[in-house]
Amino acid sequence: QVQLVESGGGLVQAGGSLRLSCAASGGTFSEYAIGWFRQVPGKEREPVSAISFSGQSSFSAGSVSGRFTVSRDNVKNTVDLQMNDLKPEDTAVYYCAARNRYDTRWQIPGEYIYWGQGTQVTVSS
C-alpha cells in the first residue's frame, strides 16, 4: 500500500510559479511511475504529466508543455511538479497518482492504483 500526499498548492497571480510536491510512503517508490492530474468541478480529471520509475523520462500534456516540469527523487520518495508561467485556466485541484507501468496510457486515470488527496492551485488574472 502506497500513500501519496500532495503539497505546495496555493494562490498565485497569472505569470507566476508554484512547485507542487508529492510525497510517498509505504511500498517501494522506485517501482511506481507517478502521474499528475488536475480537476475542476464538473469536469473530468485531466492528465498533466507523468514520470518514469527512474525519472529519466516523462510525458506532458500539450497544454502544459514548456511550462511545467516533472522530476523525482527516489531517495526522498518525492515527485515535484514545477509550474511556471501559470494561467487562470491552470486553476484546479492537482493530484498525484502511482501506477506500476510507464507507457502511453499514462493519461488514463483508471490506470493508476494509488492517489493522493489533492492540493488546490488557484491562478488569478
N, C-alpha and C. Protein backbone atom coordinates (compact mmCIF):
# COMPACT_ATOMS: atom_id res chain seq x y z
N GLN A 1 0.84 -1.19 0.00
CA GLN A 1 0.00 0.00 0.00
C GLN A 1 0.88 1.24 0.00
N VAL A 2 0.65 2.11 -0.97
CA VAL A 2 1.41 3.35 -1.07
C VAL A 2 0.49 4.51 -0.71
N GLN A 3 0.99 5.37 0.14
CA GLN A 3 0.27 6.59 0.49
C GLN A 3 0.95 7.77 -0.20
N LEU A 4 0.15 8.64 -0.80
CA LEU A 4 0.66 9.81 -1.50
C LEU A 4 0.05 11.06 -0.88
N VAL A 5 0.89 12.05 -0.66
CA VAL A 5 0.42 13.30 -0.09
C VAL A 5 0.98 14.45 -0.91
N GLU A 6 0.08 15.27 -1.46
CA GLU A 6 0.49 16.43 -2.24
C GLU A 6 0.61 17.66 -1.33
N SER A 7 1.49 18.56 -1.73
CA SER A 7 1.63 19.82 -1.02
C SER A 7 2.12 20.87 -2.00
N GLY A 8 2.06 22.13 -1.57
CA GLY A 8 2.61 23.21 -2.38
C GLY A 8 1.59 24.03 -3.14
N GLY A 9 0.33 23.65 -3.06
CA GLY A 9 -0.68 24.43 -3.76
C GLY A 9 -0.90 25.78 -3.10
N GLY A 10 -1.64 26.64 -3.78
CA GLY A 10 -1.92 27.95 -3.23
C GLY A 10 -2.48 28.90 -4.27
N LEU A 11 -2.47 30.17 -3.93
CA LEU A 11 -2.97 31.22 -4.80
C LEU A 11 -1.79 31.97 -5.40
N VAL A 12 -1.81 32.16 -6.71
CA VAL A 12 -0.73 32.86 -7.39
C VAL A 12 -1.32 33.68 -8.53
N GLN A 13 -0.65 34.75 -8.86
CA GLN A 13 -1.10 35.58 -9.98
C GLN A 13 -0.67 34.95 -11.31
N ALA A 14 -1.39 35.27 -12.34
CA ALA A 14 -1.03 34.80 -13.67
C ALA A 14 0.40 35.21 -13.99
N GLY A 15 1.13 34.28 -14.59
CA GLY A 15 2.53 34.50 -14.89
C GLY A 15 3.47 34.04 -13.80
N GLY A 16 2.92 33.72 -12.65
CA GLY A 16 3.74 33.29 -11.53
C GLY A 16 4.05 31.80 -11.58
N SER A 17 4.69 31.33 -10.51
CA SER A 17 5.14 29.94 -10.44
C SER A 17 4.72 29.31 -9.12
N LEU A 18 4.56 28.01 -9.16
CA LEU A 18 4.36 27.19 -7.97
C LEU A 18 5.08 25.89 -8.17
N ARG A 19 5.46 25.29 -7.07
CA ARG A 19 6.10 23.97 -7.10
C ARG A 19 5.30 23.04 -6.22
N LEU A 20 4.69 22.05 -6.84
CA LEU A 20 3.95 21.04 -6.10
C LEU A 20 4.87 19.87 -5.78
N SER A 21 4.60 19.24 -4.67
CA SER A 21 5.37 18.07 -4.28
C SER A 21 4.42 16.94 -3.93
N CYS A 22 4.83 15.74 -4.27
CA CYS A 22 4.07 14.53 -3.95
C CYS A 22 5.01 13.65 -3.15
N ALA A 23 4.68 13.42 -1.90
CA ALA A 23 5.50 12.60 -1.02
C ALA A 23 4.86 11.23 -0.86
N ALA A 24 5.66 10.19 -1.02
CA ALA A 24 5.16 8.82 -0.95
C ALA A 24 5.70 8.10 0.27
N SER A 25 4.88 7.22 0.80
CA SER A 25 5.31 6.35 1.89
C SER A 25 4.67 4.98 1.70
N GLY A 26 5.32 3.95 2.23
CA GLY A 26 4.83 2.60 2.04
C GLY A 26 5.17 2.09 0.66
N GLY A 27 5.51 0.86 0.53
CA GLY A 27 5.88 0.31 -0.76
C GLY A 27 7.27 0.74 -1.20
N THR A 28 7.67 0.29 -2.39
CA THR A 28 8.97 0.65 -2.96
C THR A 28 8.75 1.72 -4.01
N PHE A 29 9.12 2.92 -3.70
CA PHE A 29 8.75 4.08 -4.52
C PHE A 29 9.23 3.94 -5.95
N SER A 30 10.43 3.42 -6.14
CA SER A 30 11.01 3.34 -7.48
C SER A 30 10.31 2.31 -8.37
N GLU A 31 9.39 1.56 -7.82
CA GLU A 31 8.63 0.59 -8.61
C GLU A 31 7.37 1.20 -9.21
N TYR A 32 7.17 2.50 -9.00
CA TYR A 32 5.96 3.16 -9.48
C TYR A 32 6.29 4.35 -10.35
N ALA A 33 5.63 4.40 -11.47
CA ALA A 33 5.60 5.63 -12.25
C ALA A 33 4.57 6.55 -11.60
N ILE A 34 4.84 7.83 -11.65
CA ILE A 34 3.97 8.81 -11.00
C ILE A 34 3.35 9.74 -12.03
N GLY A 35 2.08 9.94 -11.90
CA GLY A 35 1.38 10.88 -12.78
C GLY A 35 0.81 12.03 -11.99
N TRP A 36 0.66 13.14 -12.68
CA TRP A 36 -0.05 14.31 -12.12
C TRP A 36 -1.30 14.54 -12.96
N PHE A 37 -2.39 14.78 -12.26
CA PHE A 37 -3.66 15.09 -12.90
C PHE A 37 -4.23 16.34 -12.23
N ARG A 38 -5.19 16.94 -12.90
CA ARG A 38 -5.89 18.07 -12.29
C ARG A 38 -7.37 17.98 -12.63
N GLN A 39 -8.16 18.60 -11.77
CA GLN A 39 -9.60 18.52 -11.96
C GLN A 39 -10.26 19.78 -11.45
N VAL A 40 -11.21 20.26 -12.25
CA VAL A 40 -12.06 21.37 -11.81
C VAL A 40 -13.46 20.82 -11.64
N PRO A 41 -14.27 21.44 -10.80
CA PRO A 41 -15.63 20.93 -10.55
C PRO A 41 -16.42 20.80 -11.84
N GLY A 42 -17.07 19.67 -11.98
CA GLY A 42 -17.92 19.45 -13.14
C GLY A 42 -17.20 18.93 -14.36
N LYS A 43 -15.89 18.78 -14.27
CA LYS A 43 -15.12 18.27 -15.41
C LYS A 43 -14.38 17.00 -15.04
N GLU A 44 -13.98 16.27 -16.06
CA GLU A 44 -13.23 15.05 -15.83
C GLU A 44 -11.80 15.38 -15.39
N ARG A 45 -11.21 14.41 -14.73
CA ARG A 45 -9.83 14.57 -14.30
C ARG A 45 -8.94 14.61 -15.55
N GLU A 46 -8.07 15.61 -15.62
CA GLU A 46 -7.25 15.87 -16.80
C GLU A 46 -5.80 15.48 -16.54
N PRO A 47 -5.17 14.73 -17.44
CA PRO A 47 -3.75 14.40 -17.26
C PRO A 47 -2.87 15.61 -17.47
N VAL A 48 -1.86 15.72 -16.65
CA VAL A 48 -0.91 16.84 -16.73
C VAL A 48 0.48 16.35 -17.14
N SER A 49 0.99 15.38 -16.40
CA SER A 49 2.34 14.92 -16.66
C SER A 49 2.54 13.58 -15.99
N ALA A 50 3.58 12.87 -16.41
CA ALA A 50 3.94 11.61 -15.77
C ALA A 50 5.44 11.44 -15.87
N ILE A 51 5.99 10.71 -14.91
CA ILE A 51 7.43 10.50 -14.90
C ILE A 51 7.72 9.03 -14.68
N SER A 52 8.78 8.56 -15.31
CA SER A 52 9.13 7.14 -15.27
C SER A 52 9.68 6.73 -13.92
N PHE A 53 9.91 5.45 -13.76
CA PHE A 53 10.38 4.88 -12.49
C PHE A 53 11.69 5.54 -12.03
N SER A 54 12.60 5.72 -12.97
CA SER A 54 13.91 6.29 -12.63
C SER A 54 13.92 7.81 -12.68
N GLY A 55 12.94 8.38 -13.36
CA GLY A 55 12.90 9.82 -13.54
C GLY A 55 13.62 10.29 -14.79
N GLN A 56 14.07 9.35 -15.61
CA GLN A 56 14.84 9.74 -16.79
C GLN A 56 13.97 10.15 -17.96
N SER A 57 12.69 9.83 -17.91
CA SER A 57 11.81 10.25 -18.99
C SER A 57 10.46 10.67 -18.43
N SER A 58 9.76 11.45 -19.22
CA SER A 58 8.48 11.97 -18.75
C SER A 58 7.57 12.26 -19.93
N PHE A 59 6.32 12.37 -19.64
CA PHE A 59 5.30 12.82 -20.59
C PHE A 59 4.69 14.11 -20.04
N SER A 60 4.22 14.94 -20.95
CA SER A 60 3.48 16.13 -20.54
C SER A 60 2.34 16.38 -21.51
N ALA A 61 1.24 16.87 -20.98
CA ALA A 61 0.12 17.26 -21.83
C ALA A 61 0.51 18.50 -22.64
N GLY A 62 -0.09 18.61 -23.80
CA GLY A 62 0.22 19.75 -24.66
C GLY A 62 -0.06 21.10 -24.01
N SER A 63 -1.10 21.14 -23.16
CA SER A 63 -1.49 22.40 -22.53
C SER A 63 -0.47 22.92 -21.53
N VAL A 64 0.42 22.06 -21.07
CA VAL A 64 1.41 22.49 -20.07
C VAL A 64 2.84 22.34 -20.57
N SER A 65 3.01 21.76 -21.73
CA SER A 65 4.35 21.53 -22.27
C SER A 65 5.10 22.86 -22.40
N GLY A 66 6.33 22.84 -21.91
CA GLY A 66 7.15 24.05 -21.94
C GLY A 66 6.96 24.94 -20.73
N ARG A 67 5.93 24.69 -19.94
CA ARG A 67 5.68 25.49 -18.74
C ARG A 67 5.84 24.66 -17.46
N PHE A 68 5.47 23.40 -17.49
CA PHE A 68 5.52 22.52 -16.33
C PHE A 68 6.64 21.51 -16.52
N THR A 69 7.34 21.22 -15.45
CA THR A 69 8.41 20.23 -15.47
C THR A 69 8.25 19.30 -14.29
N VAL A 70 8.31 18.00 -14.57
CA VAL A 70 8.19 17.00 -13.51
C VAL A 70 9.56 16.39 -13.22
N SER A 71 9.81 16.12 -11.96
CA SER A 71 11.06 15.50 -11.55
C SER A 71 10.79 14.61 -10.34
N ARG A 72 11.72 13.71 -10.06
CA ARG A 72 11.54 12.84 -8.90
C ARG A 72 12.87 12.59 -8.22
N ASP A 73 12.77 12.26 -6.93
CA ASP A 73 13.93 11.91 -6.11
C ASP A 73 13.58 10.60 -5.43
N ASN A 74 14.20 9.52 -5.90
CA ASN A 74 13.89 8.20 -5.36
C ASN A 74 14.56 7.92 -4.03
N VAL A 75 15.37 8.84 -3.56
CA VAL A 75 15.92 8.73 -2.20
C VAL A 75 14.95 9.36 -1.21
N LYS A 76 14.44 10.52 -1.58
CA LYS A 76 13.49 11.22 -0.71
C LYS A 76 12.06 10.73 -0.92
N ASN A 77 11.83 9.91 -1.94
CA ASN A 77 10.49 9.41 -2.27
C ASN A 77 9.52 10.56 -2.58
N THR A 78 9.98 11.45 -3.42
CA THR A 78 9.14 12.59 -3.79
C THR A 78 9.14 12.80 -5.31
N VAL A 79 8.06 13.36 -5.78
CA VAL A 79 7.95 13.81 -7.16
C VAL A 79 7.48 15.26 -7.12
N ASP A 80 8.17 16.11 -7.84
CA ASP A 80 7.82 17.52 -7.87
C ASP A 80 7.26 17.90 -9.24
N LEU A 81 6.38 18.87 -9.22
CA LEU A 81 5.85 19.44 -10.45
C LEU A 81 6.10 20.95 -10.38
N GLN A 82 7.08 21.39 -11.14
CA GLN A 82 7.39 22.81 -11.21
C GLN A 82 6.51 23.45 -12.27
N MET A 83 5.72 24.43 -11.85
CA MET A 83 4.76 25.06 -12.75
C MET A 83 5.13 26.52 -12.93
N ASN A 84 5.47 26.88 -14.13
CA ASN A 84 5.86 28.26 -14.45
C ASN A 84 4.86 28.88 -15.41
N ASP A 85 4.89 30.20 -15.48
CA ASP A 85 4.00 30.93 -16.39
C ASP A 85 2.56 30.46 -16.23
N LEU A 86 2.10 30.43 -15.02
CA LEU A 86 0.76 29.91 -14.74
C LEU A 86 -0.32 30.81 -15.34
N LYS A 87 -1.38 30.17 -15.75
CA LYS A 87 -2.51 30.85 -16.38
C LYS A 87 -3.78 30.57 -15.58
N PRO A 88 -4.77 31.43 -15.67
CA PRO A 88 -6.01 31.19 -14.93
C PRO A 88 -6.62 29.82 -15.24
N GLU A 89 -6.45 29.34 -16.45
CA GLU A 89 -7.00 28.04 -16.81
C GLU A 89 -6.26 26.87 -16.17
N ASP A 90 -5.15 27.14 -15.49
CA ASP A 90 -4.46 26.10 -14.73
C ASP A 90 -5.09 25.89 -13.36
N THR A 91 -6.04 26.73 -13.00
CA THR A 91 -6.72 26.60 -11.72
C THR A 91 -7.44 25.26 -11.62
N ALA A 92 -7.14 24.51 -10.58
CA ALA A 92 -7.71 23.17 -10.41
C ALA A 92 -7.19 22.57 -9.12
N VAL A 93 -7.77 21.45 -8.75
CA VAL A 93 -7.16 20.61 -7.72
C VAL A 93 -6.19 19.67 -8.43
N TYR A 94 -4.97 19.61 -7.95
CA TYR A 94 -3.93 18.79 -8.56
C TYR A 94 -3.70 17.54 -7.71
N TYR A 95 -3.66 16.40 -8.40
CA TYR A 95 -3.48 15.11 -7.75
C TYR A 95 -2.24 14.42 -8.30
N CYS A 96 -1.54 13.70 -7.44
CA CYS A 96 -0.53 12.77 -7.93
C CYS A 96 -1.07 11.36 -7.74
N ALA A 97 -0.57 10.47 -8.57
CA ALA A 97 -1.05 9.10 -8.57
C ALA A 97 0.09 8.17 -8.97
N ALA A 98 0.00 6.92 -8.55
CA ALA A 98 1.05 5.94 -8.81
C ALA A 98 0.49 4.74 -9.56
N ARG A 99 1.30 4.28 -10.52
CA ARG A 99 0.96 3.05 -11.23
C ARG A 99 2.24 2.27 -11.46
N ASN A 100 2.10 0.97 -11.73
CA ASN A 100 3.31 0.15 -11.86
C ASN A 100 3.70 -0.09 -13.32
N ARG A 101 3.24 0.80 -14.19
CA ARG A 101 3.68 0.79 -15.58
C ARG A 101 3.99 2.21 -16.01
N TYR A 102 4.83 2.31 -17.03
CA TYR A 102 5.12 3.62 -17.61
C TYR A 102 5.00 3.46 -19.12
N ASP A 103 3.94 3.99 -19.68
CA ASP A 103 3.72 3.86 -21.11
C ASP A 103 2.74 4.94 -21.56
N THR A 104 2.28 4.85 -22.78
CA THR A 104 1.43 5.90 -23.34
C THR A 104 0.03 5.92 -22.73
N ARG A 105 -0.28 4.98 -21.87
CA ARG A 105 -1.57 5.00 -21.20
C ARG A 105 -1.50 5.85 -19.93
N TRP A 106 -0.45 6.64 -19.79
CA TRP A 106 -0.26 7.45 -18.59
C TRP A 106 -1.39 8.45 -18.40
N GLN A 107 -2.10 8.77 -19.47
CA GLN A 107 -3.14 9.78 -19.41
C GLN A 107 -4.47 9.27 -18.87
N ILE A 108 -4.56 7.99 -18.62
CA ILE A 108 -5.83 7.38 -18.22
C ILE A 108 -5.89 7.24 -16.70
N PRO A 109 -6.76 7.96 -16.04
CA PRO A 109 -6.82 7.88 -14.57
C PRO A 109 -7.03 6.48 -14.04
N GLY A 110 -7.82 5.67 -14.74
CA GLY A 110 -8.09 4.32 -14.30
C GLY A 110 -6.89 3.41 -14.29
N GLU A 111 -5.80 3.83 -14.90
CA GLU A 111 -4.57 3.04 -14.92
C GLU A 111 -3.80 3.14 -13.60
N TYR A 112 -4.16 4.08 -12.77
CA TYR A 112 -3.40 4.35 -11.54
C TYR A 112 -4.01 3.63 -10.35
N ILE A 113 -3.11 3.15 -9.49
CA ILE A 113 -3.53 2.33 -8.35
C ILE A 113 -3.76 3.19 -7.12
N TYR A 114 -2.86 4.13 -6.89
CA TYR A 114 -2.92 4.93 -5.67
C TYR A 114 -3.03 6.41 -6.03
N TRP A 115 -3.76 7.14 -5.20
CA TRP A 115 -3.99 8.56 -5.41
C TRP A 115 -3.77 9.34 -4.12
N GLY A 116 -3.30 10.57 -4.29
CA GLY A 116 -3.25 11.48 -3.16
C GLY A 116 -4.59 12.18 -2.98
N GLN A 117 -4.64 13.04 -1.98
CA GLN A 117 -5.90 13.70 -1.65
C GLN A 117 -6.11 14.99 -2.44
N GLY A 118 -5.06 15.47 -3.09
CA GLY A 118 -5.15 16.66 -3.92
C GLY A 118 -4.73 17.93 -3.20
N THR A 119 -4.28 18.90 -3.99
CA THR A 119 -3.93 20.21 -3.47
C THR A 119 -4.47 21.27 -4.44
N GLN A 120 -5.04 22.31 -3.89
CA GLN A 120 -5.70 23.33 -4.71
C GLN A 120 -4.68 24.32 -5.25
N VAL A 121 -4.77 24.58 -6.55
CA VAL A 121 -3.99 25.64 -7.19
C VAL A 121 -4.98 26.64 -7.79
N THR A 122 -4.82 27.89 -7.42
CA THR A 122 -5.68 28.94 -7.93
C THR A 122 -4.82 30.02 -8.55
N VAL A 123 -5.09 30.33 -9.81
CA VAL A 123 -4.33 31.34 -10.53
C VAL A 123 -5.26 32.50 -10.85
N SER A 124 -4.94 33.65 -10.32
CA SER A 124 -5.78 34.83 -10.54
C SER A 124 -5.29 35.61 -11.75
N SER A 125 -6.23 36.25 -12.42
CA SER A 125 -5.87 37.01 -13.63
C SER A 125 -5.54 38.46 -13.29
